[in-house]
Amino acid sequence: KAVTIPEVGFSIAGYIDRIDISSDGKQALVRDYKTGRPLKDTARLEEGLELQRCLYAFAVKALLGKRVKVTASLFYPRHNLDLPLEDQDGVLASLTTYLRAAKDSLASGAAVPGPDAAGTFDELAFALPANAAANYCTRKFASVSARLGDLTQLWDEP
């Protein structure tokens, strides 16, 4: 089922590994199991690369209501390590600001490449000039940053 992220109107859909709801229905733990290398304990948005816990929290709040206290975490069984999203309300507020800025940027026609454009895992590299990583992206980065404005602060988020 698709859910809408409040205040920005983006809809998200997908599968959650696990949700545990307390018997009184006032608390929920949403968890994703990971097999790779753990994030740093201090990770919040990881420069915009780690949004999963945030999206899970948004989804569970949308499904269960605002009165439910949601804890979103990543669990690494090999390391017996659980990483809940610290300061979840603050992180979700920051992400909402970034999502709103991204929506405004796209609505004004600014669908520009970010800092990882032309990287190893860029699924949209076909839309860039050949050998874009060598000079095109570097040459355009200042213009991209100016066009995106405050949205680029996401790239500095821990």
N, C-alpha and C. Protein backbone atom coordinates (compact mmCIF):
# COMPACT_ATOMS: atom_id res chain seq x y z
N LYS A 1 0.84 -1.18 0.00
CA LYS A 1 0.00 0.00 0.00
C LYS A 1 0.89 1.24 0.00
N ALA A 2 0.58 2.19 -0.83
CA ALA A 2 1.33 3.45 -0.88
C ALA A 2 0.87 4.36 0.26
N VAL A 3 1.80 5.07 0.84
CA VAL A 3 1.49 6.07 1.86
C VAL A 3 2.09 7.40 1.42
N THR A 4 1.52 8.47 1.93
CA THR A 4 1.98 9.81 1.56
C THR A 4 2.79 10.41 2.69
N ILE A 5 3.93 10.98 2.33
CA ILE A 5 4.76 11.67 3.31
C ILE A 5 4.08 13.01 3.59
N PRO A 6 3.78 13.28 4.88
CA PRO A 6 3.05 14.50 5.20
C PRO A 6 3.82 15.76 4.81
N GLU A 7 3.07 16.79 4.49
CA GLU A 7 3.59 18.12 4.20
C GLU A 7 4.29 18.26 2.85
N VAL A 8 4.60 17.15 2.18
CA VAL A 8 5.27 17.27 0.87
C VAL A 8 4.49 16.57 -0.23
N GLY A 9 3.64 15.61 0.13
CA GLY A 9 2.79 14.97 -0.85
C GLY A 9 3.44 13.88 -1.69
N PHE A 10 4.65 13.46 -1.35
CA PHE A 10 5.27 12.35 -2.06
C PHE A 10 4.66 11.04 -1.56
N SER A 11 4.36 10.15 -2.46
CA SER A 11 3.87 8.83 -2.08
C SER A 11 5.02 7.83 -2.17
N ILE A 12 5.06 6.93 -1.20
CA ILE A 12 6.08 5.88 -1.19
C ILE A 12 5.38 4.54 -1.01
N ALA A 13 5.99 3.51 -1.54
CA ALA A 13 5.45 2.16 -1.38
C ALA A 13 6.62 1.19 -1.33
N GLY A 14 6.41 0.09 -0.70
CA GLY A 14 7.47 -0.91 -0.62
C GLY A 14 7.15 -1.92 0.47
N TYR A 15 8.15 -2.63 0.89
CA TYR A 15 7.99 -3.67 1.90
C TYR A 15 8.87 -3.36 3.10
N ILE A 16 8.33 -3.58 4.27
CA ILE A 16 9.06 -3.40 5.52
C ILE A 16 9.36 -4.79 6.06
N ASP A 17 10.60 -5.02 6.48
CA ASP A 17 10.98 -6.34 6.99
C ASP A 17 10.18 -6.74 8.23
N ARG A 18 10.05 -5.78 9.18
CA ARG A 18 9.39 -6.15 10.42
C ARG A 18 8.80 -4.93 11.12
N ILE A 19 7.60 -5.10 11.64
CA ILE A 19 6.97 -4.08 12.49
C ILE A 19 6.46 -4.79 13.73
N ASP A 20 6.85 -4.31 14.89
CA ASP A 20 6.34 -4.81 16.16
C ASP A 20 5.52 -3.69 16.79
N ILE A 21 4.29 -3.99 17.17
CA ILE A 21 3.41 -3.00 17.77
C ILE A 21 3.11 -3.44 19.20
N SER A 22 3.22 -2.50 20.14
CA SER A 22 2.97 -2.83 21.54
C SER A 22 1.51 -3.23 21.74
N SER A 23 1.24 -3.97 22.81
CA SER A 23 -0.11 -4.47 23.05
C SER A 23 -1.13 -3.35 23.25
N ASP A 24 -0.67 -2.18 23.73
CA ASP A 24 -1.60 -1.06 23.89
C ASP A 24 -1.70 -0.21 22.62
N GLY A 25 -0.92 -0.56 21.58
CA GLY A 25 -0.99 0.15 20.31
C GLY A 25 -0.36 1.53 20.31
N LYS A 26 0.39 1.86 21.35
CA LYS A 26 0.96 3.21 21.45
C LYS A 26 2.40 3.31 20.96
N GLN A 27 3.04 2.16 20.73
CA GLN A 27 4.43 2.16 20.28
C GLN A 27 4.61 1.16 19.15
N ALA A 28 5.51 1.50 18.23
CA ALA A 28 5.82 0.58 17.14
C ALA A 28 7.31 0.62 16.87
N LEU A 29 7.87 -0.55 16.64
CA LEU A 29 9.27 -0.67 16.23
C LEU A 29 9.26 -1.17 14.80
N VAL A 30 9.85 -0.40 13.92
CA VAL A 30 9.96 -0.81 12.52
C VAL A 30 11.43 -1.07 12.25
N ARG A 31 11.71 -2.22 11.66
CA ARG A 31 13.11 -2.65 11.55
C ARG A 31 13.38 -3.21 10.17
N ASP A 32 14.57 -2.90 9.68
CA ASP A 32 15.05 -3.50 8.43
C ASP A 32 16.30 -4.29 8.77
N TYR A 33 16.38 -5.50 8.25
CA TYR A 33 17.54 -6.36 8.49
C TYR A 33 18.56 -6.13 7.38
N LYS A 34 19.81 -5.95 7.77
CA LYS A 34 20.88 -5.64 6.83
C LYS A 34 21.96 -6.71 6.87
N THR A 35 22.54 -6.99 5.71
CA THR A 35 23.61 -7.98 5.63
C THR A 35 24.97 -7.35 5.37
N GLY A 36 24.99 -6.10 4.99
CA GLY A 36 26.25 -5.44 4.65
C GLY A 36 26.97 -4.85 5.84
N ARG A 37 27.87 -3.94 5.54
CA ARG A 37 28.67 -3.26 6.56
C ARG A 37 27.79 -2.24 7.29
N PRO A 38 27.84 -2.21 8.62
CA PRO A 38 27.00 -1.29 9.38
C PRO A 38 27.35 0.19 9.13
N LEU A 39 26.33 1.01 9.28
CA LEU A 39 26.54 2.46 9.25
C LEU A 39 27.29 2.88 10.50
N LYS A 40 27.81 4.08 10.49
CA LYS A 40 28.40 4.64 11.71
C LYS A 40 27.26 4.88 12.71
N ASP A 41 27.57 4.78 13.99
CA ASP A 41 26.56 5.02 15.02
C ASP A 41 25.94 6.40 14.91
N THR A 42 26.71 7.35 14.39
CA THR A 42 26.26 8.74 14.32
C THR A 42 25.49 9.05 13.03
N ALA A 43 25.31 8.08 12.17
CA ALA A 43 24.64 8.32 10.88
C ALA A 43 23.20 8.76 11.09
N ARG A 44 22.82 9.79 10.35
CA ARG A 44 21.43 10.25 10.36
C ARG A 44 20.88 10.12 8.95
N LEU A 45 21.32 11.00 8.07
CA LEU A 45 20.89 10.96 6.68
C LEU A 45 22.02 10.54 5.74
N GLU A 46 23.24 10.47 6.27
CA GLU A 46 24.40 10.04 5.48
C GLU A 46 24.48 10.74 4.12
N GLU A 47 24.45 12.06 4.17
CA GLU A 47 24.57 12.87 2.95
C GLU A 47 23.46 12.57 1.95
N GLY A 48 22.30 12.16 2.47
CA GLY A 48 21.16 11.85 1.61
C GLY A 48 21.14 10.43 1.10
N LEU A 49 22.13 9.62 1.51
CA LEU A 49 22.21 8.25 1.02
C LEU A 49 21.44 7.27 1.90
N GLU A 50 21.19 7.61 3.16
CA GLU A 50 20.53 6.69 4.08
C GLU A 50 19.18 7.28 4.48
N LEU A 51 18.18 6.96 3.71
CA LEU A 51 16.85 7.48 3.98
C LEU A 51 15.89 6.40 4.45
N GLN A 52 16.33 5.16 4.50
CA GLN A 52 15.43 4.05 4.76
C GLN A 52 14.72 4.16 6.10
N ARG A 53 15.46 4.44 7.16
CA ARG A 53 14.82 4.53 8.47
C ARG A 53 13.80 5.67 8.48
N CYS A 54 14.14 6.78 7.83
CA CYS A 54 13.21 7.91 7.76
C CYS A 54 11.94 7.54 7.01
N LEU A 55 12.10 6.90 5.87
CA LEU A 55 10.94 6.51 5.08
C LEU A 55 10.07 5.50 5.82
N TYR A 56 10.71 4.57 6.53
CA TYR A 56 9.96 3.62 7.34
C TYR A 56 9.17 4.34 8.43
N ALA A 57 9.80 5.29 9.09
CA ALA A 57 9.12 6.05 10.14
C ALA A 57 7.93 6.82 9.57
N PHE A 58 8.14 7.50 8.44
CA PHE A 58 7.04 8.21 7.78
C PHE A 58 5.90 7.24 7.46
N ALA A 59 6.24 6.09 6.89
CA ALA A 59 5.22 5.11 6.47
C ALA A 59 4.42 4.58 7.65
N VAL A 60 5.10 4.19 8.71
CA VAL A 60 4.41 3.63 9.87
C VAL A 60 3.54 4.68 10.55
N LYS A 61 4.04 5.91 10.63
CA LYS A 61 3.21 6.99 11.21
C LYS A 61 1.97 7.22 10.35
N ALA A 62 2.13 7.17 9.04
CA ALA A 62 0.97 7.36 8.15
C ALA A 62 -0.02 6.22 8.29
N LEU A 63 0.48 5.00 8.47
CA LEU A 63 -0.40 3.84 8.58
C LEU A 63 -1.07 3.71 9.94
N LEU A 64 -0.33 4.03 11.01
CA LEU A 64 -0.85 3.80 12.36
C LEU A 64 -1.33 5.07 13.06
N GLY A 65 -0.99 6.23 12.54
CA GLY A 65 -1.42 7.49 13.15
C GLY A 65 -0.31 8.18 13.91
N LYS A 66 -0.49 9.47 14.10
CA LYS A 66 0.53 10.30 14.74
C LYS A 66 0.70 10.02 16.23
N ARG A 67 -0.30 9.43 16.85
CA ARG A 67 -0.22 9.18 18.29
C ARG A 67 0.71 8.02 18.64
N VAL A 68 1.04 7.21 17.67
CA VAL A 68 1.91 6.06 17.90
C VAL A 68 3.37 6.52 17.89
N LYS A 69 4.10 6.15 18.94
CA LYS A 69 5.54 6.47 18.99
C LYS A 69 6.27 5.42 18.17
N VAL A 70 6.92 5.86 17.10
CA VAL A 70 7.59 4.95 16.18
C VAL A 70 9.10 5.02 16.39
N THR A 71 9.73 3.86 16.46
CA THR A 71 11.18 3.77 16.47
C THR A 71 11.59 3.01 15.22
N ALA A 72 12.42 3.62 14.39
CA ALA A 72 12.89 2.98 13.16
C ALA A 72 14.35 2.61 13.33
N SER A 73 14.68 1.37 12.96
CA SER A 73 16.07 0.94 13.13
C SER A 73 16.52 0.01 12.01
N LEU A 74 17.82 -0.07 11.89
CA LEU A 74 18.47 -1.04 11.00
C LEU A 74 19.15 -2.05 11.90
N PHE A 75 18.93 -3.34 11.61
CA PHE A 75 19.54 -4.39 12.43
C PHE A 75 20.49 -5.20 11.57
N TYR A 76 21.73 -5.36 12.06
CA TYR A 76 22.78 -6.12 11.38
C TYR A 76 23.02 -7.41 12.16
N PRO A 77 22.36 -8.52 11.78
CA PRO A 77 22.47 -9.76 12.55
C PRO A 77 23.90 -10.28 12.69
N ARG A 78 24.71 -10.17 11.64
CA ARG A 78 26.10 -10.66 11.72
C ARG A 78 26.90 -9.95 12.80
N HIS A 79 26.53 -8.72 13.08
CA HIS A 79 27.27 -7.91 14.05
C HIS A 79 26.48 -7.75 15.36
N ASN A 80 25.27 -8.35 15.40
CA ASN A 80 24.37 -8.17 16.54
C ASN A 80 24.26 -6.69 16.91
N LEU A 81 24.01 -5.87 15.90
CA LEU A 81 24.01 -4.42 16.06
C LEU A 81 22.67 -3.85 15.59
N ASP A 82 22.02 -3.11 16.48
CA ASP A 82 20.77 -2.44 16.16
C ASP A 82 21.04 -0.94 16.16
N LEU A 83 20.71 -0.26 15.06
CA LEU A 83 20.94 1.17 14.94
C LEU A 83 19.62 1.92 14.77
N PRO A 84 19.02 2.34 15.89
CA PRO A 84 17.80 3.15 15.78
C PRO A 84 18.16 4.54 15.27
N LEU A 85 17.23 5.17 14.62
CA LEU A 85 17.42 6.54 14.15
C LEU A 85 17.32 7.47 15.34
N GLU A 86 18.44 8.05 15.73
CA GLU A 86 18.48 8.96 16.87
C GLU A 86 17.86 10.30 16.48
N ASP A 87 17.26 10.97 17.43
CA ASP A 87 16.59 12.26 17.21
C ASP A 87 15.67 12.17 16.00
N GLN A 88 14.85 11.14 16.00
CA GLN A 88 14.01 10.84 14.85
C GLN A 88 13.14 12.03 14.44
N ASP A 89 12.51 12.71 15.40
CA ASP A 89 11.65 13.83 15.04
C ASP A 89 12.44 14.94 14.37
N GLY A 90 13.63 15.23 14.89
CA GLY A 90 14.48 16.26 14.28
C GLY A 90 14.94 15.88 12.89
N VAL A 91 15.32 14.62 12.72
CA VAL A 91 15.78 14.14 11.41
C VAL A 91 14.63 14.17 10.41
N LEU A 92 13.45 13.73 10.83
CA LEU A 92 12.29 13.75 9.93
C LEU A 92 11.91 15.18 9.55
N ALA A 93 12.04 16.11 10.49
CA ALA A 93 11.76 17.52 10.18
C ALA A 93 12.77 18.05 9.15
N SER A 94 14.05 17.70 9.34
CA SER A 94 15.07 18.12 8.37
C SER A 94 14.80 17.52 7.00
N LEU A 95 14.49 16.24 6.97
CA LEU A 95 14.22 15.58 5.69
C LEU A 95 12.99 16.18 5.02
N THR A 96 11.97 16.52 5.80
CA THR A 96 10.79 17.16 5.23
C THR A 96 11.17 18.47 4.54
N THR A 97 12.05 19.24 5.17
CA THR A 97 12.52 20.49 4.57
C THR A 97 13.24 20.22 3.26
N TYR A 98 14.09 19.21 3.24
CA TYR A 98 14.82 18.86 2.02
C TYR A 98 13.86 18.35 0.93
N LEU A 99 12.90 17.53 1.32
CA LEU A 99 11.94 17.01 0.34
C LEU A 99 11.10 18.14 -0.26
N ARG A 100 10.71 19.08 0.58
CA ARG A 100 9.95 20.23 0.08
C ARG A 100 10.80 21.03 -0.91
N ALA A 101 12.07 21.23 -0.58
CA ALA A 101 12.98 21.96 -1.49
C ALA A 101 13.17 21.19 -2.79
N ALA A 102 13.28 19.86 -2.69
CA ALA A 102 13.45 19.04 -3.90
C ALA A 102 12.20 19.12 -4.77
N LYS A 103 11.04 19.07 -4.15
CA LYS A 103 9.78 19.17 -4.90
C LYS A 103 9.68 20.52 -5.61
N ASP A 104 10.01 21.60 -4.89
CA ASP A 104 9.97 22.94 -5.49
C ASP A 104 10.97 23.04 -6.64
N SER A 105 12.14 22.45 -6.44
CA SER A 105 13.17 22.48 -7.47
C SER A 105 12.71 21.76 -8.73
N LEU A 106 12.16 20.58 -8.54
CA LEU A 106 11.66 19.81 -9.70
C LEU A 106 10.50 20.52 -10.39
N ALA A 107 9.60 21.12 -9.58
CA ALA A 107 8.45 21.82 -10.15
C ALA A 107 8.88 23.04 -10.97
N SER A 108 10.04 23.60 -10.63
CA SER A 108 10.52 24.77 -11.37
C SER A 108 11.43 24.36 -12.54
N GLY A 109 11.56 23.05 -12.76
CA GLY A 109 12.32 22.57 -13.91
C GLY A 109 13.77 22.21 -13.63
N ALA A 110 14.16 22.19 -12.37
CA ALA A 110 15.55 21.90 -12.02
C ALA A 110 15.73 20.43 -11.65
N ALA A 111 15.82 19.58 -12.63
CA ALA A 111 16.13 18.18 -12.41
C ALA A 111 17.59 18.02 -12.80
N VAL A 112 18.46 18.39 -11.89
CA VAL A 112 19.89 18.44 -12.20
C VAL A 112 20.63 17.33 -11.47
N PRO A 113 21.81 16.95 -11.96
CA PRO A 113 22.56 15.87 -11.31
C PRO A 113 23.13 16.31 -9.96
N GLY A 114 23.20 15.34 -9.06
CA GLY A 114 23.76 15.60 -7.74
C GLY A 114 25.23 15.21 -7.69
N PRO A 115 25.81 15.17 -6.49
CA PRO A 115 27.24 14.93 -6.34
C PRO A 115 27.69 13.53 -6.77
N ASP A 116 26.78 12.57 -6.81
CA ASP A 116 27.15 11.21 -7.20
C ASP A 116 26.86 10.91 -8.66
N ALA A 117 26.47 11.93 -9.42
CA ALA A 117 26.19 11.72 -10.84
C ALA A 117 27.44 11.17 -11.52
N ALA A 118 27.22 10.26 -12.41
CA ALA A 118 28.29 9.61 -13.17
C ALA A 118 29.17 8.73 -12.29
N GLY A 119 28.70 8.42 -11.08
CA GLY A 119 29.44 7.53 -10.20
C GLY A 119 29.27 6.08 -10.63
N THR A 120 29.88 5.19 -9.91
CA THR A 120 29.87 3.78 -10.23
C THR A 120 28.47 3.19 -10.30
N PHE A 121 27.57 3.66 -9.42
CA PHE A 121 26.23 3.07 -9.35
C PHE A 121 25.15 4.02 -9.85
N ASP A 122 25.47 4.93 -10.73
CA ASP A 122 24.50 5.89 -11.24
C ASP A 122 23.66 5.25 -12.34
N GLU A 123 22.41 4.92 -12.00
CA GLU A 123 21.52 4.27 -12.97
C GLU A 123 21.09 5.22 -14.08
N LEU A 124 21.33 6.50 -13.91
CA LEU A 124 20.94 7.49 -14.91
C LEU A 124 22.14 8.03 -15.69
N ALA A 125 23.26 7.37 -15.59
CA ALA A 125 24.47 7.83 -16.28
C ALA A 125 24.28 7.92 -17.79
N PHE A 126 23.36 7.12 -18.32
CA PHE A 126 23.11 7.16 -19.77
C PHE A 126 22.63 8.53 -20.23
N ALA A 127 22.07 9.33 -19.32
CA ALA A 127 21.54 10.65 -19.68
C ALA A 127 22.62 11.73 -19.66
N LEU A 128 23.81 11.38 -19.22
CA LEU A 128 24.91 12.34 -19.15
C LEU A 128 25.83 12.16 -20.36
N PRO A 129 26.63 13.17 -20.65
CA PRO A 129 27.60 13.03 -21.75
C PRO A 129 28.59 11.89 -21.46
N ALA A 130 29.17 11.36 -22.51
CA ALA A 130 30.18 10.31 -22.35
C ALA A 130 31.32 10.85 -21.48
N ASN A 131 31.84 10.01 -20.63
CA ASN A 131 32.94 10.37 -19.74
C ASN A 131 32.60 11.58 -18.86
N ALA A 132 31.35 11.65 -18.40
CA ALA A 132 30.87 12.80 -17.63
C ALA A 132 31.65 13.00 -16.34
N ALA A 133 32.08 11.90 -15.71
CA ALA A 133 32.81 12.03 -14.45
C ALA A 133 34.13 12.74 -14.62
N ALA A 134 34.74 12.63 -15.77
CA ALA A 134 36.06 13.21 -15.99
C ALA A 134 36.05 14.74 -15.99
N ASN A 135 35.05 15.35 -16.64
CA ASN A 135 35.08 16.80 -16.64
C ASN A 135 33.70 17.47 -16.59
N TYR A 136 32.70 16.89 -17.22
CA TYR A 136 31.39 17.54 -17.28
C TYR A 136 30.82 17.81 -15.89
N CYS A 137 30.75 16.78 -15.05
CA CYS A 137 30.16 16.95 -13.73
C CYS A 137 30.96 17.92 -12.87
N THR A 138 32.26 17.86 -12.96
CA THR A 138 33.11 18.78 -12.21
C THR A 138 32.87 20.21 -12.67
N ARG A 139 32.81 20.39 -13.97
CA ARG A 139 32.63 21.73 -14.55
C ARG A 139 31.26 22.30 -14.20
N LYS A 140 30.24 21.47 -14.09
CA LYS A 140 28.86 21.91 -13.85
C LYS A 140 28.49 21.98 -12.37
N PHE A 141 29.33 21.47 -11.50
CA PHE A 141 28.95 21.34 -10.10
C PHE A 141 28.59 22.68 -9.45
N ALA A 142 29.34 23.73 -9.72
CA ALA A 142 29.04 25.05 -9.14
C ALA A 142 27.67 25.55 -9.60
N SER A 143 27.35 25.36 -10.87
CA SER A 143 26.05 25.78 -11.39
C SER A 143 24.92 24.95 -10.79
N VAL A 144 25.15 23.66 -10.66
CA VAL A 144 24.15 22.78 -10.06
C VAL A 144 23.89 23.22 -8.62
N SER A 145 24.96 23.47 -7.87
CA SER A 145 24.82 23.88 -6.47
C SER A 145 24.07 25.20 -6.36
N ALA A 146 24.38 26.14 -7.23
CA ALA A 146 23.68 27.43 -7.21
C ALA A 146 22.20 27.25 -7.52
N ARG A 147 21.89 26.40 -8.48
CA ARG A 147 20.49 26.18 -8.89
C ARG A 147 19.69 25.48 -7.80
N LEU A 148 20.31 24.55 -7.08
CA LEU A 148 19.60 23.80 -6.04
C LEU A 148 19.52 24.55 -4.72
N GLY A 149 20.40 25.51 -4.51
CA GLY A 149 20.34 26.33 -3.29
C GLY A 149 20.47 25.52 -2.01
N ASP A 150 19.53 25.75 -1.07
CA ASP A 150 19.58 25.12 0.25
C ASP A 150 19.49 23.61 0.20
N LEU A 151 18.96 23.06 -0.86
CA LEU A 151 18.85 21.61 -0.98
C LEU A 151 20.22 20.93 -0.92
N THR A 152 21.27 21.63 -1.35
CA THR A 152 22.61 21.03 -1.33
C THR A 152 23.12 20.79 0.08
N GLN A 153 22.51 21.42 1.08
CA GLN A 153 22.93 21.18 2.47
C GLN A 153 22.71 19.72 2.87
N LEU A 154 21.80 19.04 2.19
CA LEU A 154 21.56 17.62 2.45
C LEU A 154 22.84 16.82 2.24
N TRP A 155 23.66 17.23 1.28
CA TRP A 155 24.88 16.51 0.97
C TRP A 155 25.91 16.59 2.08
N ASP A 156 25.71 17.49 3.03
CA ASP A 156 26.62 17.63 4.17
C ASP A 156 26.07 17.03 5.46
N GLU A 157 24.85 16.49 5.39
CA GLU A 157 24.24 15.90 6.59
C GLU A 157 24.97 14.64 7.01
N PRO A 158 25.22 14.52 8.32
CA PRO A 158 25.89 13.29 8.81
C PRO A 158 24.98 12.08 8.73
